[in-house]
Amino acid sequence: MWHHRPGTLWAWPGLNLNMPKISFAQYGTKRIEFTIVRSSRRKTVGIYIGLNGDVVVRSPRSLEADRIKELIRKRARWIIEKQEFIKTHSQLGSEKEFVSGEFFFYLGRQYRLKVITPASKAAEGCKLIQGRFFIGINGDLSRAETRGAVKEALIDWYIGRAKEKISERLELYARQIGRWPKRIEIKDHKSRWGSCSRNGIIRFNWKIIMAPVSALDYVIVHELCHLIHQHHSARFWQEGQSSIPDYAMRRKRLKEYSLKLSAFD
């Protein structure tokens, strides 16, 4: 590992000095590594734990690295507990083979997958019938190609259901909150369930359709509240609480589901 004296800036031609910085903080015998992502638009510090246990700190550009390390040490116990939880429960998000017999979530429930070879090309694709996922795939494909085709068909099905269900639930809460987005988009986010741009566009991670409706509603309300409050201020959380009484509990449950919904990452 390369080291340099504090206060000395090393740079090479073409290096982006705004790129994420990897650092670490010592907590007893534990070494907590984390990545700092700075933004001039950000006003507060956020600490995020990825599905693989990686720690990311999103920080205002002006905040000093020593101050960030201090914040990491203050939250060290929480960070370590989350990393241990992820390590213990990592099998929940284990990679899928996309073969018959596997289970996949939809709105919080698990459904067994059955891969079939349909009689015609028109019958190919994914359907949920009587509590089972049926996916019709061309029988001439190799094993690797079949796996990819099954995964793609399942994702297409999820995206279609996400568009329908999110539109339906968003209309309900938009009327309650009194805010409507400019438009909604379904995306393949890697580390977030949704986002709200300053111009009123709300984007949702299609994987949220695998979680229970209670979790889906939480994400919808969360992003709608951002149409009123851009930052996670006390007023922002109060707004969410007024729309969903058990808002905080749903937030906690959604974090637990993250591991279960990571099979497609």
Protein backbone atom coordinates (compact mmCIF):
# COMPACT_ATOMS: atom_id res chain seq x y z
CA MET A 1 0.00 0.00 0.00
CA TRP A 2 1.27 3.47 -0.86
CA HIS A 3 1.58 6.00 1.97
CA HIS A 4 2.18 9.74 2.00
CA ARG A 5 2.62 12.36 4.69
CA PRO A 6 -0.62 14.05 5.88
CA GLY A 7 -1.21 17.26 4.00
CA THR A 8 0.78 16.15 0.95
CA LEU A 9 -1.24 15.82 -2.24
CA TRP A 10 -0.08 13.29 -4.81
CA ALA A 11 -1.54 13.49 -8.31
CA TRP A 12 -0.89 12.01 -11.71
CA PRO A 13 -1.93 13.40 -15.11
CA GLY A 14 -5.53 12.45 -15.87
CA LEU A 15 -6.35 11.56 -12.26
CA ASN A 16 -9.80 12.74 -11.19
CA LEU A 17 -9.32 14.26 -7.75
CA ASN A 18 -13.08 14.11 -7.18
CA MET A 19 -13.18 10.32 -7.50
CA PRO A 20 -14.21 8.29 -4.40
CA LYS A 21 -11.43 8.03 -1.80
CA ILE A 22 -10.80 4.82 0.20
CA SER A 23 -9.77 5.33 3.82
CA PHE A 24 -9.99 3.53 7.17
CA ALA A 25 -10.65 4.18 10.85
CA GLN A 26 -9.38 2.13 13.77
CA TYR A 27 -11.87 1.00 16.42
CA GLY A 28 -10.13 -1.09 19.06
CA THR A 29 -8.71 -4.07 17.21
CA LYS A 30 -11.11 -3.54 14.29
CA ARG A 31 -10.07 -1.73 11.13
CA ILE A 32 -13.06 -0.23 9.32
CA GLU A 33 -12.38 0.55 5.68
CA PHE A 34 -14.71 2.97 3.93
CA THR A 35 -15.06 4.90 0.69
CA ILE A 36 -15.70 8.64 0.72
CA VAL A 37 -17.90 10.07 -2.01
CA ARG A 38 -17.94 13.87 -1.91
CA SER A 39 -20.49 16.20 -3.46
CA SER A 40 -20.82 19.98 -3.44
CA ARG A 41 -24.61 19.57 -3.42
CA ARG A 42 -24.66 17.46 -0.27
CA LYS A 43 -25.29 19.21 3.06
CA THR A 44 -25.20 16.26 5.46
CA VAL A 45 -23.12 13.10 5.98
CA GLY A 46 -24.61 9.69 5.26
CA ILE A 47 -23.06 6.31 6.13
CA TYR A 48 -24.24 3.40 3.99
CA ILE A 49 -23.52 -0.34 4.27
CA GLY A 50 -23.62 -2.24 0.98
CA LEU A 51 -24.93 -5.78 0.51
CA ASN A 52 -21.33 -7.04 0.54
CA GLY A 53 -20.54 -5.17 3.77
CA ASP A 54 -18.68 -2.29 2.10
CA VAL A 55 -18.98 1.07 3.87
CA VAL A 56 -19.64 4.20 1.81
CA VAL A 57 -19.66 7.71 3.29
CA ARG A 58 -21.44 10.37 1.25
CA SER A 59 -20.15 13.72 2.42
CA PRO A 60 -20.18 17.45 1.63
CA ARG A 61 -17.06 18.38 -0.32
CA SER A 62 -15.79 20.70 2.42
CA LEU A 63 -15.84 18.17 5.28
CA GLU A 64 -12.33 17.16 6.36
CA ALA A 65 -11.23 13.52 6.29
CA ASP A 66 -10.36 13.53 10.02
CA ARG A 67 -13.91 14.62 10.83
CA ILE A 68 -15.29 11.77 8.70
CA LYS A 69 -13.04 9.28 10.53
CA GLU A 70 -14.35 10.60 13.82
CA LEU A 71 -17.93 10.02 12.65
CA ILE A 72 -17.03 6.49 11.54
CA ARG A 73 -15.57 5.72 14.98
CA LYS A 74 -18.72 7.05 16.67
CA ARG A 75 -20.87 4.74 14.53
CA ALA A 76 -18.34 1.87 14.61
CA ARG A 77 -20.42 -0.45 16.78
CA TRP A 78 -23.43 -0.05 14.46
CA ILE A 79 -21.25 -0.57 11.36
CA ILE A 80 -19.64 -3.72 12.74
CA GLU A 81 -23.02 -5.14 13.80
CA LYS A 82 -24.42 -4.57 10.29
CA GLN A 83 -21.37 -6.17 8.68
CA GLU A 84 -21.67 -9.20 10.97
CA PHE A 85 -25.38 -9.48 10.14
CA ILE A 86 -24.59 -9.44 6.42
CA LYS A 87 -21.85 -12.05 6.85
CA THR A 88 -24.15 -14.33 8.87
CA HIS A 89 -27.10 -14.00 6.52
CA SER A 90 -25.18 -13.82 3.24
CA GLN A 91 -26.80 -17.04 2.04
CA LEU A 92 -30.08 -15.13 1.68
CA GLY A 93 -28.62 -13.17 -1.19
CA SER A 94 -26.62 -16.01 -2.71
CA GLU A 95 -26.36 -16.11 -6.47
CA LYS A 96 -29.18 -17.88 -8.26
CA GLU A 97 -28.77 -20.50 -10.98
CA PHE A 98 -32.14 -19.63 -12.57
CA VAL A 99 -33.17 -23.26 -12.88
CA SER A 100 -36.35 -25.16 -12.08
CA GLY A 101 -36.97 -25.62 -8.36
CA GLU A 102 -35.52 -22.32 -7.20
CA PHE A 103 -37.69 -19.79 -5.36
CA PHE A 104 -38.07 -16.11 -6.23
CA PHE A 105 -39.83 -13.32 -4.34
CA TYR A 106 -42.79 -11.31 -5.58
CA LEU A 107 -44.53 -8.86 -3.22
CA GLY A 108 -42.94 -10.53 -0.21
CA ARG A 109 -43.89 -14.13 -1.05
CA GLN A 110 -41.74 -16.85 -2.57
CA TYR A 111 -42.76 -18.70 -5.73
CA ARG A 112 -41.10 -21.77 -7.21
CA LEU A 113 -39.65 -21.53 -10.71
CA LYS A 114 -40.42 -24.02 -13.51
CA VAL A 115 -38.49 -23.72 -16.78
CA ILE A 116 -40.30 -25.25 -19.75
CA THR A 117 -39.79 -25.62 -23.50
CA PRO A 118 -42.96 -24.20 -25.11
CA ALA A 119 -44.48 -25.52 -28.33
CA SER A 120 -44.18 -22.10 -30.04
CA LYS A 121 -42.07 -18.96 -29.78
CA ALA A 122 -45.19 -16.98 -28.91
CA ALA A 123 -45.44 -18.97 -25.66
CA GLU A 124 -41.95 -18.02 -24.51
CA GLY A 125 -41.49 -15.60 -21.59
CA CYS A 126 -42.51 -15.52 -17.92
CA LYS A 127 -45.94 -16.07 -16.37
CA LEU A 128 -47.10 -16.46 -12.76
CA ILE A 129 -49.72 -19.20 -12.76
CA GLN A 130 -51.30 -20.81 -9.71
CA GLY A 131 -48.46 -19.85 -7.39
CA ARG A 132 -45.58 -20.81 -9.71
CA PHE A 133 -43.30 -18.97 -12.13
CA PHE A 134 -43.40 -20.62 -15.54
CA ILE A 135 -40.74 -19.48 -18.00
CA GLY A 136 -40.77 -20.74 -21.56
CA ILE A 137 -37.32 -20.91 -23.15
CA ASN A 138 -36.05 -22.03 -26.56
CA GLY A 139 -34.90 -25.63 -26.16
CA ASP A 140 -31.97 -25.20 -28.57
CA LEU A 141 -30.04 -22.91 -26.22
CA SER A 142 -26.95 -24.02 -24.31
CA ARG A 143 -27.01 -24.30 -20.54
CA ALA A 144 -25.35 -20.90 -20.09
CA GLU A 145 -27.64 -19.31 -22.69
CA THR A 146 -30.70 -20.83 -21.02
CA ARG A 147 -29.65 -19.44 -17.65
CA GLY A 148 -29.26 -15.96 -19.16
CA ALA A 149 -32.57 -16.20 -21.00
CA VAL A 150 -34.43 -17.28 -17.85
CA LYS A 151 -32.92 -14.42 -15.88
CA GLU A 152 -33.79 -11.90 -18.60
CA ALA A 153 -37.38 -13.18 -18.88
CA LEU A 154 -37.84 -12.98 -15.12
CA ILE A 155 -36.44 -9.43 -14.97
CA ASP A 156 -38.71 -8.33 -17.84
CA TRP A 157 -41.68 -9.74 -15.96
CA TYR A 158 -40.67 -8.00 -12.74
CA ILE A 159 -40.22 -4.66 -14.51
CA GLY A 160 -43.68 -4.95 -16.06
CA ARG A 161 -45.28 -5.70 -12.69
CA ALA A 162 -43.26 -2.91 -11.04
CA LYS A 163 -44.61 -0.35 -13.52
CA GLU A 164 -48.18 -1.43 -12.85
CA LYS A 165 -48.01 -1.75 -9.07
CA ILE A 166 -45.90 1.35 -8.43
CA SER A 167 -48.21 3.49 -10.59
CA GLU A 168 -51.21 2.17 -8.68
CA ARG A 169 -49.74 2.71 -5.20
CA LEU A 170 -48.12 6.05 -6.08
CA GLU A 171 -51.47 7.49 -7.18
CA LEU A 172 -52.91 6.60 -3.77
CA TYR A 173 -50.16 8.28 -1.75
CA ALA A 174 -49.70 11.22 -4.10
CA ARG A 175 -53.32 12.18 -3.44
CA GLN A 176 -52.77 11.78 0.30
CA ILE A 177 -49.56 13.85 0.36
CA GLY A 178 -50.67 16.34 -2.27
CA ARG A 179 -47.60 16.00 -4.50
CA TRP A 180 -47.24 14.38 -7.92
CA PRO A 181 -43.94 13.66 -9.69
CA LYS A 182 -43.23 15.04 -13.14
CA ARG A 183 -42.86 11.42 -14.20
CA ILE A 184 -41.74 8.07 -12.79
CA GLU A 185 -39.08 5.75 -14.19
CA ILE A 186 -38.18 2.14 -13.41
CA LYS A 187 -34.42 1.61 -13.18
CA ASP A 188 -31.84 -1.00 -12.20
CA HIS A 189 -30.22 0.74 -9.25
CA LYS A 190 -27.45 -1.18 -7.47
CA SER A 191 -27.50 0.51 -4.07
CA ARG A 192 -30.78 2.36 -3.65
CA TRP A 193 -34.48 1.65 -3.83
CA GLY A 194 -35.45 4.98 -5.31
CA SER A 195 -34.40 8.53 -6.02
CA CYS A 196 -36.03 11.89 -6.59
CA SER A 197 -34.43 14.52 -8.81
CA ARG A 198 -34.70 18.25 -8.25
CA ASN A 199 -36.91 18.56 -11.34
CA GLY A 200 -39.50 16.15 -9.92
CA ILE A 201 -38.57 12.87 -11.64
CA ILE A 202 -38.87 9.86 -9.32
CA ARG A 203 -36.95 6.71 -10.19
CA PHE A 204 -37.63 3.32 -8.60
CA ASN A 205 -35.49 0.19 -8.44
CA TRP A 206 -37.50 -2.57 -10.11
CA LYS A 207 -36.33 -5.03 -7.41
CA ILE A 208 -38.67 -3.35 -4.90
CA ILE A 209 -41.52 -5.32 -6.51
CA MET A 210 -40.07 -8.43 -4.83
CA ALA A 211 -40.62 -6.91 -1.37
CA PRO A 212 -43.99 -6.79 0.46
CA VAL A 213 -46.45 -4.03 -0.42
CA SER A 214 -45.71 -2.42 2.96
CA ALA A 215 -42.06 -1.95 1.91
CA LEU A 216 -43.08 -0.77 -1.56
CA ASP A 217 -45.36 1.83 0.00
CA TYR A 218 -42.54 3.03 2.25
CA VAL A 219 -40.26 3.67 -0.74
CA ILE A 220 -43.03 5.45 -2.63
CA VAL A 221 -43.84 7.72 0.32
CA HIS A 222 -40.14 8.35 0.94
CA GLU A 223 -39.61 9.62 -2.60
CA LEU A 224 -42.87 11.61 -2.68
CA CYS A 225 -41.77 13.37 0.52
CA HIS A 226 -38.62 14.43 -1.31
CA LEU A 227 -40.85 16.49 -3.59
CA ILE A 228 -41.49 18.60 -0.47
CA HIS A 229 -38.15 18.30 1.37
CA GLN A 230 -34.99 17.60 -0.65
CA HIS A 231 -32.92 16.59 2.38
CA HIS A 232 -33.41 14.12 5.21
CA SER A 233 -34.32 16.76 7.76
CA ALA A 234 -36.56 16.25 10.79
CA ARG A 235 -39.43 17.76 8.81
CA PHE A 236 -38.85 15.21 6.05
CA TRP A 237 -39.18 12.25 8.45
CA GLN A 238 -42.23 13.85 10.07
CA GLU A 239 -43.86 14.08 6.66
CA GLY A 240 -43.34 10.36 6.08
CA GLN A 241 -44.56 9.51 9.57
CA SER A 242 -47.78 11.45 8.98
CA SER A 243 -48.49 9.37 5.86
CA ILE A 244 -47.52 5.97 7.31
CA PRO A 245 -47.74 5.63 11.14
CA ASP A 246 -45.20 2.75 11.29
CA TYR A 247 -42.85 4.51 8.85
CA ALA A 248 -39.71 3.88 10.95
CA MET A 249 -40.48 0.17 11.36
CA ARG A 250 -41.01 -0.27 7.62
CA ARG A 251 -37.67 1.40 6.99
CA LYS A 252 -35.98 -1.13 9.26
CA ARG A 253 -37.75 -4.07 7.61
CA LEU A 254 -36.75 -2.87 4.14
CA LYS A 255 -33.07 -3.01 5.15
CA GLU A 256 -33.56 -6.62 6.20
CA TYR A 257 -35.12 -7.47 2.83
CA SER A 258 -32.14 -6.02 0.96
CA LEU A 259 -30.21 -9.27 1.36
CA LYS A 260 -33.11 -11.38 0.14
CA LEU A 261 -33.54 -9.27 -2.99
CA SER A 262 -29.88 -9.26 -4.05
CA ALA A 263 -29.96 -12.41 -6.20
CA PHE A 264 -29.92 -10.39 -9.43
CA ASP A 265 -26.90 -8.18 -8.53
